[in-house]
Amino acid sequence: MGKDFREITRSVSTSLAELRTDQPDVMKGFSALGDAALRDGALTKKTKELIALALGVASHCDACLGFHLKALVRLGATRAEVEEALGVAVYMGGGPSLMYAADALAGFEQLSAPPRAPTGDAARAHLVGSAH
């Protein structure tokens, strides 16, 4: 199986929470920048998220893919819309972007599907953790 984008975004979110505590002004500024950049305007929020996804592919940023794919799923993006944005990313970024485009498409499928229940060691850890 490929990359687990749910786990990638969960892990990065944990680290970002620490940064929000340790560097609140920087994180508030970044959040305000993101809110302003992604707000509906001449381009819809969904179109802007598709652009952000393409930039994440070109930058080879797994967490960027995860967060922007989650937003696109929430905004009702179709697989065809995601694929077209990925096509532009590949056009602009060549072979390395093609490899990340494949990861992004797998991530879209992962994040579009309902989460799976933990299995094996993860299920045992979940059960032990919830017993406390």
C-alpha atoms as a PDB file:
ATOM      1  CA  MET A   1       0.000   0.000   0.000  1.00  0.00           C
ATOM      2  CA  GLY A   2       1.140   3.558  -0.645  1.00  0.00           C
ATOM      3  CA  LYS A   3       1.298   6.507   1.675  1.00  0.00           C
ATOM      4  CA  ASP A   4      -1.349   6.851   4.383  1.00  0.00           C
ATOM      5  CA  PHE A   5      -2.584  10.420   3.955  1.00  0.00           C
ATOM      6  CA  ARG A   6      -4.872  10.216   6.999  1.00  0.00           C
ATOM      7  CA  GLU A   7      -1.867   9.337   9.156  1.00  0.00           C
ATOM      8  CA  ILE A   8       0.343  11.953   7.469  1.00  0.00           C
ATOM      9  CA  THR A   9      -2.155  14.747   8.169  1.00  0.00           C
ATOM     10  CA  ARG A  10      -2.843  13.464  11.700  1.00  0.00           C
ATOM     11  CA  SER A  11       0.880  13.381  12.518  1.00  0.00           C
ATOM     12  CA  VAL A  12       1.587  16.817  11.041  1.00  0.00           C
ATOM     13  CA  SER A  13      -1.466  18.256  12.809  1.00  0.00           C
ATOM     14  CA  THR A  14       0.004  17.089  16.126  1.00  0.00           C
ATOM     15  CA  SER A  15       3.268  18.898  15.394  1.00  0.00           C
ATOM     16  CA  LEU A  16       1.406  21.985  14.192  1.00  0.00           C
ATOM     17  CA  ALA A  17      -0.517  22.085  17.480  1.00  0.00           C
ATOM     18  CA  GLU A  18       2.818  22.368  19.299  1.00  0.00           C
ATOM     19  CA  LEU A  19       3.872  25.197  16.996  1.00  0.00           C
ATOM     20  CA  ARG A  20       0.549  26.980  17.640  1.00  0.00           C
ATOM     21  CA  THR A  21       1.396  26.878  21.349  1.00  0.00           C
ATOM     22  CA  ASP A  22       5.073  27.771  20.984  1.00  0.00           C
ATOM     23  CA  GLN A  23       4.758  30.290  18.112  1.00  0.00           C
ATOM     24  CA  PRO A  24       1.200  31.650  18.297  1.00  0.00           C
ATOM     25  CA  ASP A  25       1.831  34.875  16.385  1.00  0.00           C
ATOM     26  CA  VAL A  26       3.497  33.098  13.464  1.00  0.00           C
ATOM     27  CA  MET A  27       0.806  30.445  13.307  1.00  0.00           C
ATOM     28  CA  LYS A  28      -2.027  32.996  13.547  1.00  0.00           C
ATOM     29  CA  GLY A  29      -0.398  34.954  10.736  1.00  0.00           C
ATOM     30  CA  PHE A  30      -0.061  31.851   8.570  1.00  0.00           C
ATOM     31  CA  SER A  31      -3.674  30.890   9.273  1.00  0.00           C
ATOM     32  CA  ALA A  32      -4.879  34.386   8.360  1.00  0.00           C
ATOM     33  CA  LEU A  33      -2.850  34.243   5.131  1.00  0.00           C
ATOM     34  CA  GLY A  34      -4.410  30.884   4.243  1.00  0.00           C
ATOM     35  CA  ASP A  35      -7.918  32.112   5.037  1.00  0.00           C
ATOM     36  CA  ALA A  36      -7.445  35.198   2.867  1.00  0.00           C
ATOM     37  CA  ALA A  37      -5.834  33.310  -0.012  1.00  0.00           C
ATOM     38  CA  LEU A  38      -8.471  30.577  -0.129  1.00  0.00           C
ATOM     39  CA  ARG A  39     -11.565  32.733   0.375  1.00  0.00           C
ATOM     40  CA  ASP A  40     -14.122  32.690  -2.465  1.00  0.00           C
ATOM     41  CA  GLY A  41     -13.512  35.586  -4.842  1.00  0.00           C
ATOM     42  CA  ALA A  42     -13.009  35.704  -8.599  1.00  0.00           C
ATOM     43  CA  LEU A  43     -11.941  32.066  -8.146  1.00  0.00           C
ATOM     44  CA  THR A  44     -13.966  29.682  -6.013  1.00  0.00           C
ATOM     45  CA  LYS A  45     -12.479  28.143  -2.898  1.00  0.00           C
ATOM     46  CA  LYS A  46     -12.531  24.772  -4.684  1.00  0.00           C
ATOM     47  CA  THR A  47     -10.570  26.167  -7.640  1.00  0.00           C
ATOM     48  CA  LYS A  48      -8.036  27.650  -5.241  1.00  0.00           C
ATOM     49  CA  GLU A  49      -7.695  24.307  -3.440  1.00  0.00           C
ATOM     50  CA  LEU A  50      -7.087  22.613  -6.809  1.00  0.00           C
ATOM     51  CA  ILE A  51      -4.308  25.131  -7.451  1.00  0.00           C
ATOM     52  CA  ALA A  52      -2.881  24.472  -3.983  1.00  0.00           C
ATOM     53  CA  LEU A  53      -2.977  20.730  -4.680  1.00  0.00           C
ATOM     54  CA  ALA A  54      -1.037  21.224  -7.917  1.00  0.00           C
ATOM     55  CA  LEU A  55       1.540  23.314  -6.063  1.00  0.00           C
ATOM     56  CA  GLY A  56       1.804  20.623  -3.377  1.00  0.00           C
ATOM     57  CA  VAL A  57       2.516  18.063  -6.106  1.00  0.00           C
ATOM     58  CA  ALA A  58       5.159  20.304  -7.687  1.00  0.00           C
ATOM     59  CA  SER A  59       6.705  20.904  -4.230  1.00  0.00           C
ATOM     60  CA  HIS A  60       6.678  17.180  -3.347  1.00  0.00           C
ATOM     61  CA  CYS A  61       4.910  17.961  -0.051  1.00  0.00           C
ATOM     62  CA  ASP A  62       3.004  14.937   1.302  1.00  0.00           C
ATOM     63  CA  ALA A  63       1.308  16.873   4.092  1.00  0.00           C
ATOM     64  CA  CYS A  64       0.253  19.580   1.603  1.00  0.00           C
ATOM     65  CA  LEU A  65      -1.346  16.880  -0.548  1.00  0.00           C
ATOM     66  CA  GLY A  66      -3.170  15.443   2.447  1.00  0.00           C
ATOM     67  CA  PHE A  67      -4.540  18.736   3.738  1.00  0.00           C
ATOM     68  CA  HIS A  68      -5.594  20.069   0.332  1.00  0.00           C
ATOM     69  CA  LEU A  69      -7.113  16.722  -0.687  1.00  0.00           C
ATOM     70  CA  LYS A  70      -9.148  16.677   2.538  1.00  0.00           C
ATOM     71  CA  ALA A  71     -10.384  20.185   1.727  1.00  0.00           C
ATOM     72  CA  LEU A  72     -11.241  19.146  -1.834  1.00  0.00           C
ATOM     73  CA  VAL A  73     -13.218  16.133  -0.629  1.00  0.00           C
ATOM     74  CA  ARG A  74     -15.076  18.413   1.814  1.00  0.00           C
ATOM     75  CA  LEU A  75     -15.769  20.897  -1.022  1.00  0.00           C
ATOM     76  CA  GLY A  76     -17.197  18.158  -3.264  1.00  0.00           C
ATOM     77  CA  ALA A  77     -14.396  17.989  -5.829  1.00  0.00           C
ATOM     78  CA  THR A  78     -14.726  15.193  -8.346  1.00  0.00           C
ATOM     79  CA  ARG A  79     -12.026  12.775  -9.327  1.00  0.00           C
ATOM     80  CA  ALA A  80     -12.052  14.365 -12.806  1.00  0.00           C
ATOM     81  CA  GLU A  81     -11.382  17.834 -11.325  1.00  0.00           C
ATOM     82  CA  VAL A  82      -8.522  16.469  -9.224  1.00  0.00           C
ATOM     83  CA  GLU A  83      -7.078  14.633 -12.236  1.00  0.00           C
ATOM     84  CA  GLU A  84      -7.164  17.789 -14.381  1.00  0.00           C
ATOM     85  CA  ALA A  85      -5.344  19.769 -11.684  1.00  0.00           C
ATOM     86  CA  LEU A  86      -2.806  16.954 -11.430  1.00  0.00           C
ATOM     87  CA  GLY A  87      -2.345  17.088 -15.199  1.00  0.00           C
ATOM     88  CA  VAL A  88      -1.387  20.759 -14.962  1.00  0.00           C
ATOM     89  CA  ALA A  89       1.028  19.953 -12.116  1.00  0.00           C
ATOM     90  CA  VAL A  90       2.689  17.250 -14.213  1.00  0.00           C
ATOM     91  CA  TYR A  91       2.887  19.586 -17.221  1.00  0.00           C
ATOM     92  CA  MET A  92       4.631  22.233 -15.100  1.00  0.00           C
ATOM     93  CA  GLY A  93       6.790  19.888 -13.019  1.00  0.00           C
ATOM     94  CA  GLY A  94       7.761  17.007 -15.303  1.00  0.00           C
ATOM     95  CA  GLY A  95       8.593  13.487 -14.117  1.00  0.00           C
ATOM     96  CA  PRO A  96       8.933  14.190 -10.369  1.00  0.00           C
ATOM     97  CA  SER A  97       5.501  15.824 -10.396  1.00  0.00           C
ATOM     98  CA  LEU A  98       4.104  12.791 -12.223  1.00  0.00           C
ATOM     99  CA  MET A  99       5.221  10.564  -9.329  1.00  0.00           C
ATOM    100  CA  TYR A 100       3.586  12.885  -6.795  1.00  0.00           C
ATOM    101  CA  ALA A 101       0.467  13.155  -8.943  1.00  0.00           C
ATOM    102  CA  ALA A 102       0.123   9.372  -8.645  1.00  0.00           C
ATOM    103  CA  ASP A 103       0.436   9.711  -4.854  1.00  0.00           C
ATOM    104  CA  ALA A 104      -2.133  12.520  -4.834  1.00  0.00           C
ATOM    105  CA  LEU A 105      -4.650  10.434  -6.778  1.00  0.00           C
ATOM    106  CA  ALA A 106      -4.181   7.538  -4.353  1.00  0.00           C
ATOM    107  CA  GLY A 107      -4.631  10.014  -1.492  1.00  0.00           C
ATOM    108  CA  PHE A 108      -7.867  11.350  -3.008  1.00  0.00           C
ATOM    109  CA  GLU A 109      -9.221   7.800  -3.137  1.00  0.00           C
ATOM    110  CA  GLN A 110      -8.136   7.177   0.476  1.00  0.00           C
ATOM    111  CA  LEU A 111      -9.671  10.352   1.813  1.00  0.00           C
ATOM    112  CA  SER A 112     -12.885   9.924  -0.196  1.00  0.00           C
ATOM    113  CA  ALA A 113     -13.501   6.514   1.360  1.00  0.00           C
ATOM    114  CA  PRO A 114     -14.750   6.061   4.933  1.00  0.00           C
ATOM    115  CA  PRO A 115     -11.919   5.452   7.437  1.00  0.00           C
ATOM    116  CA  ARG A 116     -11.137   1.805   8.052  1.00  0.00           C
ATOM    117  CA  ALA A 117     -11.331   0.317  11.524  1.00  0.00           C
ATOM    118  CA  PRO A 118      -7.903  -0.397  13.073  1.00  0.00           C
ATOM    119  CA  THR A 119      -6.613  -3.940  12.610  1.00  0.00           C
ATOM    120  CA  GLY A 120      -3.873  -6.023  14.215  1.00  0.00           C
ATOM    121  CA  ASP A 121      -1.505  -4.154  16.545  1.00  0.00           C
ATOM    122  CA  ALA A 122      -3.237  -0.842  15.856  1.00  0.00           C
ATOM    123  CA  ALA A 123      -6.600  -2.326  16.961  1.00  0.00           C
ATOM    124  CA  ARG A 124      -5.062  -3.745  20.134  1.00  0.00           C
ATOM    125  CA  ALA A 125      -3.406  -0.420  20.927  1.00  0.00           C
ATOM    126  CA  HIS A 126      -6.695   1.373  20.295  1.00  0.00           C
ATOM    127  CA  LEU A 127      -8.534  -0.997  22.643  1.00  0.00           C
ATOM    128  CA  VAL A 128      -5.882  -0.701  25.334  1.00  0.00           C
ATOM    129  CA  GLY A 129      -5.852   3.098  24.982  1.00  0.00           C
ATOM    130  CA  SER A 130      -9.625   3.375  25.216  1.00  0.00           C
ATOM    131  CA  ALA A 131      -9.728   1.231  28.367  1.00  0.00           C
ATOM    132  CA  HIS A 132      -8.118   4.070  30.391  1.00  0.00           C
END
